[in-house]
Amino acid sequence: MDSTNEAIEEGELQAYVEGERSPHVGEALAHSPALQQQLALLERANQRLHALAPQTVIPSAQDLVDVAAGQATARQRLRVAAYLRVSASGRARMAYLLEGTGAKRQAVPALFLATLPAGAPTTKGDRDDERGGAVLVSTELAAHVVVRIQPVAADSWRLRGYLEQRGEPLGATAVVLRTPDGRRRTRTTDDGGFFAFDRLPAGSYHLRIGLDAGVLLTPPIVLGDGQ
């Protein structure tokens, strides 16, 4: 992942696609192949969506999280509802957010989107063949997850991670990876808080980690040539 990703906040790429040409977003895009790849994917998704429903926009990940957690504004709910009517991938994403929450509304756990801390650099890989990674933080859960990406073949990737809460490695914790085709793969952290997913094709992935105080969700983790 490029260090320039740290300058882009949630939803800013979508705003850029919709015509809000913020200078810092343009500068980050000029220096980040990974962001350029995300922008191209988002532009194609917008084109498909607008062909079906011209007035519909793709909501941000935070919009989806807020709706799933029952804490969205009226505008967020309208935006997400319009999107879900025409987007199969959006419906799959929402189902993923609500997965395992039960039928009763009071059973829905708190959902927290992990983000890059302001001004924090991305991390270097532990190995020469790694492309580095990022530290994603949830202050509400006092938790962070370190994600590292390693290409193992022309079309195959390995995602390594480390989970920590309140300064201590978090072992024996289930980490669920949602793949681009909507499937789930689960790993359990070892005693040191480490986990890994192997043989991943290029695409956009999300992590979901259930903790005592809520569910930690990551923004898209994009694997591909731009990494």
Protein backbone atom coordinates (compact mmCIF):
# COMPACT_ATOMS: atom_id res chain seq x y z
CA MET A 1 0.00 0.00 0.00
CA ASP A 2 1.26 3.46 -0.79
CA SER A 3 2.03 5.88 2.00
CA THR A 4 -0.03 8.50 0.16
CA ASN A 5 -3.17 6.55 1.09
CA GLU A 6 -2.91 8.09 4.55
CA ALA A 7 -3.99 11.48 3.15
CA ILE A 8 -7.30 10.17 1.81
CA GLU A 9 -10.22 9.95 4.19
CA GLU A 10 -13.26 7.69 3.84
CA GLY A 11 -15.54 8.82 1.03
CA GLU A 12 -13.10 11.27 -0.58
CA LEU A 13 -12.48 9.09 -3.64
CA GLN A 14 -16.24 8.86 -4.19
CA ALA A 15 -16.52 12.64 -3.89
CA TYR A 16 -13.66 12.96 -6.41
CA VAL A 17 -15.53 10.73 -8.88
CA GLU A 18 -18.63 12.89 -8.42
CA GLY A 19 -16.71 16.05 -9.35
CA GLU A 20 -15.34 17.35 -6.05
CA ARG A 21 -11.73 17.77 -7.17
CA SER A 22 -9.96 18.32 -3.86
CA PRO A 23 -6.31 19.26 -4.51
CA HIS A 24 -4.89 16.87 -1.88
CA VAL A 25 -6.84 13.96 -3.42
CA GLY A 26 -5.49 14.80 -6.88
CA GLU A 27 -1.95 14.99 -5.50
CA ALA A 28 -2.30 11.65 -3.72
CA LEU A 29 -3.65 10.03 -6.88
CA ALA A 30 -0.73 11.35 -8.92
CA HIS A 31 1.75 9.49 -6.69
CA SER A 32 -0.19 6.34 -5.78
CA PRO A 33 -0.81 3.48 -8.24
CA ALA A 34 -2.93 1.76 -5.57
CA LEU A 35 -5.23 4.78 -5.28
CA GLN A 36 -5.39 5.04 -9.06
CA GLN A 37 -6.53 1.42 -9.19
CA GLN A 38 -9.17 2.04 -6.50
CA LEU A 39 -10.38 5.11 -8.40
CA ALA A 40 -10.69 3.14 -11.65
CA LEU A 41 -12.70 0.43 -9.88
CA LEU A 42 -14.93 3.05 -8.28
CA GLU A 43 -15.50 4.85 -11.61
CA ARG A 44 -16.53 1.58 -13.29
CA ALA A 45 -18.87 0.77 -10.39
CA ASN A 46 -20.42 4.24 -10.62
CA GLN A 47 -20.93 3.88 -14.37
CA ARG A 48 -22.74 0.56 -13.92
CA LEU A 49 -24.81 1.96 -11.07
CA HIS A 50 -25.79 5.14 -12.90
CA ALA A 51 -26.80 3.11 -15.96
CA LEU A 52 -29.35 1.34 -13.74
CA ALA A 53 -30.36 4.30 -11.56
CA PRO A 54 -28.99 7.70 -12.62
CA GLN A 55 -29.75 9.45 -9.32
CA THR A 56 -28.11 6.80 -7.14
CA VAL A 57 -24.63 7.19 -5.65
CA ILE A 58 -22.39 4.60 -4.04
CA PRO A 59 -22.41 5.14 -0.27
CA SER A 60 -19.20 5.17 1.71
CA ALA A 61 -18.15 2.25 3.89
CA GLN A 62 -19.03 4.38 6.93
CA ASP A 63 -22.57 4.90 5.56
CA LEU A 64 -23.06 1.13 5.36
CA VAL A 65 -21.61 0.61 8.83
CA ASP A 66 -23.83 3.30 10.34
CA VAL A 67 -26.96 1.87 8.73
CA ALA A 68 -26.10 -1.67 9.86
CA ALA A 69 -25.49 -0.40 13.40
CA GLY A 70 -28.75 1.56 13.47
CA GLN A 71 -27.00 4.91 13.97
CA ALA A 72 -27.35 6.42 10.48
CA THR A 73 -28.87 9.78 9.65
CA ALA A 74 -31.97 9.99 7.46
CA ARG A 75 -29.81 11.02 4.49
CA GLN A 76 -27.49 8.04 5.01
CA ARG A 77 -30.45 5.66 5.18
CA LEU A 78 -31.94 7.03 1.95
CA ARG A 79 -28.59 6.86 0.15
CA VAL A 80 -27.95 3.28 1.27
CA ALA A 81 -31.50 2.12 0.56
CA ALA A 82 -31.35 3.45 -3.02
CA TYR A 83 -27.98 1.80 -3.54
CA LEU A 84 -29.05 -1.59 -2.16
CA ARG A 85 -32.06 -1.71 -4.48
CA VAL A 86 -29.82 -1.82 -7.56
CA SER A 87 -26.54 -3.32 -6.30
CA ALA A 88 -26.12 -7.03 -5.66
CA SER A 89 -22.60 -6.46 -4.32
CA GLY A 90 -23.97 -3.80 -1.97
CA ARG A 91 -26.58 -6.21 -0.64
CA ALA A 92 -23.87 -8.81 -0.10
CA ARG A 93 -21.77 -6.25 1.78
CA MET A 94 -24.70 -5.27 4.01
CA ALA A 95 -25.45 -8.93 4.70
CA TYR A 96 -21.82 -9.33 5.70
CA LEU A 97 -22.06 -6.40 8.12
CA LEU A 98 -25.19 -7.87 9.69
CA GLU A 99 -23.87 -11.44 9.70
CA GLY A 100 -24.53 -13.26 12.96
CA THR A 101 -26.37 -10.38 14.61
CA GLY A 102 -29.62 -12.27 15.09
CA ALA A 103 -33.15 -11.30 14.19
CA LYS A 104 -33.77 -8.93 17.09
CA ARG A 105 -32.64 -5.37 16.68
CA GLN A 106 -31.30 -5.20 20.22
CA ALA A 107 -28.95 -8.07 19.39
CA VAL A 108 -27.08 -6.05 16.76
CA PRO A 109 -23.51 -5.50 18.02
CA ALA A 110 -21.75 -2.18 17.80
CA LEU A 111 -19.81 -1.88 14.54
CA PHE A 112 -16.59 0.13 14.31
CA LEU A 113 -14.70 0.98 11.13
CA ALA A 114 -10.93 0.85 11.59
CA THR A 115 -9.06 3.67 9.86
CA LEU A 116 -5.53 4.90 9.31
CA PRO A 117 -4.55 7.23 12.18
CA ALA A 118 -4.05 10.81 11.03
CA GLY A 119 -0.47 11.43 9.93
CA ALA A 120 0.63 7.85 10.54
CA PRO A 121 2.94 6.32 7.91
CA THR A 122 2.35 2.89 6.48
CA THR A 123 4.56 0.11 7.81
CA LYS A 124 7.45 -1.61 6.07
CA GLY A 125 7.29 -5.30 5.28
CA ASP A 126 9.13 -7.73 7.50
CA ARG A 127 10.43 -9.55 4.42
CA ASP A 128 12.09 -8.39 1.22
CA ASP A 129 9.23 -9.75 -0.91
CA GLU A 130 6.52 -7.92 1.01
CA ARG A 131 4.94 -4.68 -0.22
CA GLY A 132 4.54 -3.20 3.25
CA GLY A 133 1.19 -2.63 4.86
CA ALA A 134 -0.92 -0.40 7.05
CA VAL A 135 -1.93 0.00 10.68
CA LEU A 136 -5.71 0.35 11.02
CA VAL A 137 -6.99 1.66 14.33
CA SER A 138 -10.31 1.71 16.20
CA THR A 139 -10.01 4.07 19.16
CA GLU A 140 -13.46 3.02 20.41
CA LEU A 141 -12.31 -0.59 20.79
CA ALA A 142 -8.75 0.34 21.84
CA ALA A 143 -7.67 -2.06 19.09
CA HIS A 144 -5.55 -2.05 16.00
CA VAL A 145 -4.81 -4.48 13.22
CA VAL A 146 -1.64 -4.47 11.12
CA VAL A 147 -2.11 -5.74 7.56
CA ARG A 148 0.82 -6.78 5.33
CA ILE A 149 0.60 -7.91 1.71
CA GLN A 150 2.93 -10.38 0.01
CA PRO A 151 2.73 -11.39 -3.69
CA VAL A 152 3.48 -15.10 -4.03
CA ALA A 153 2.78 -15.55 -7.76
CA ALA A 154 1.63 -13.54 -10.77
CA ASP A 155 -2.02 -13.85 -9.74
CA SER A 156 -1.81 -14.88 -6.08
CA TRP A 157 -1.35 -12.91 -2.87
CA ARG A 158 -0.84 -13.56 0.82
CA LEU A 159 -2.37 -11.33 3.48
CA ARG A 160 -0.68 -11.40 6.88
CA GLY A 161 -2.05 -9.63 9.92
CA TYR A 162 -1.49 -8.85 13.57
CA LEU A 163 -4.24 -8.01 16.03
CA GLU A 164 -3.75 -6.07 19.25
CA GLN A 165 -6.07 -4.62 21.88
CA ARG A 166 -5.12 -2.34 24.77
CA GLY A 167 -1.46 -2.81 23.93
CA GLU A 168 -1.55 -6.61 24.11
CA PRO A 169 -1.62 -9.20 21.29
CA LEU A 170 -5.07 -10.72 20.93
CA GLY A 171 -4.92 -14.51 20.54
CA ALA A 172 -7.66 -17.07 19.90
CA THR A 173 -9.77 -14.50 18.03
CA ALA A 174 -11.69 -15.26 14.83
CA VAL A 175 -10.82 -13.07 11.83
CA VAL A 176 -13.23 -13.29 8.89
CA LEU A 177 -12.11 -12.29 5.39
CA ARG A 178 -14.79 -11.37 2.87
CA THR A 179 -13.58 -12.12 -0.66
CA PRO A 180 -14.56 -10.20 -3.83
CA ASP A 181 -17.12 -12.90 -4.71
CA GLY A 182 -18.81 -12.59 -1.31
CA ARG A 183 -17.39 -15.74 0.26
CA ARG A 184 -16.05 -15.90 3.82
CA ARG A 185 -12.76 -17.33 4.96
CA THR A 186 -11.98 -17.54 8.67
CA ARG A 187 -8.70 -17.74 10.57
CA THR A 188 -8.02 -17.70 14.31
CA THR A 189 -5.17 -15.60 15.67
CA ASP A 190 -2.35 -17.49 17.36
CA ASP A 191 -1.07 -16.70 20.85
CA GLY A 192 0.96 -13.81 19.44
CA GLY A 193 -2.07 -12.23 17.73
CA PHE A 194 -0.99 -13.21 14.19
CA PHE A 195 -3.12 -14.57 11.32
CA ALA A 196 -2.68 -15.16 7.59
CA PHE A 197 -4.75 -15.83 4.47
CA ASP A 198 -3.06 -17.52 1.50
CA ARG A 199 -3.72 -17.94 -2.23
CA LEU A 200 -5.81 -14.80 -2.67
CA PRO A 201 -6.53 -13.55 -6.21
CA ALA A 202 -6.45 -9.83 -7.01
CA GLY A 203 -9.46 -7.90 -5.81
CA SER A 204 -10.99 -5.97 -2.95
CA TYR A 205 -11.22 -7.64 0.46
CA HIS A 206 -12.61 -6.74 3.91
CA LEU A 207 -11.79 -8.05 7.38
CA ARG A 208 -14.36 -8.51 10.15
CA ILE A 209 -13.15 -9.20 13.71
CA GLY A 210 -15.55 -9.79 16.58
CA LEU A 211 -14.36 -8.35 19.91
CA ASP A 212 -16.06 -8.22 23.31
CA ALA A 213 -17.14 -4.59 22.95
CA GLY A 214 -18.09 -4.70 19.26
CA VAL A 215 -17.14 -5.71 15.74
CA LEU A 216 -14.04 -4.28 14.06
CA LEU A 217 -14.39 -3.76 10.30
CA THR A 218 -11.72 -2.67 7.85
CA PRO A 219 -12.10 -0.50 4.77
CA PRO A 220 -11.33 -2.24 1.44
CA ILE A 221 -7.95 -3.95 1.21
CA VAL A 222 -7.09 -3.98 -2.50
CA LEU A 223 -4.75 -6.66 -3.83
CA GLY A 224 -3.40 -6.23 -7.33
CA ASP A 225 -0.65 -4.82 -9.51
CA GLY A 226 -1.02 -1.37 -7.95
CA GLN A 227 0.08 -2.60 -4.53
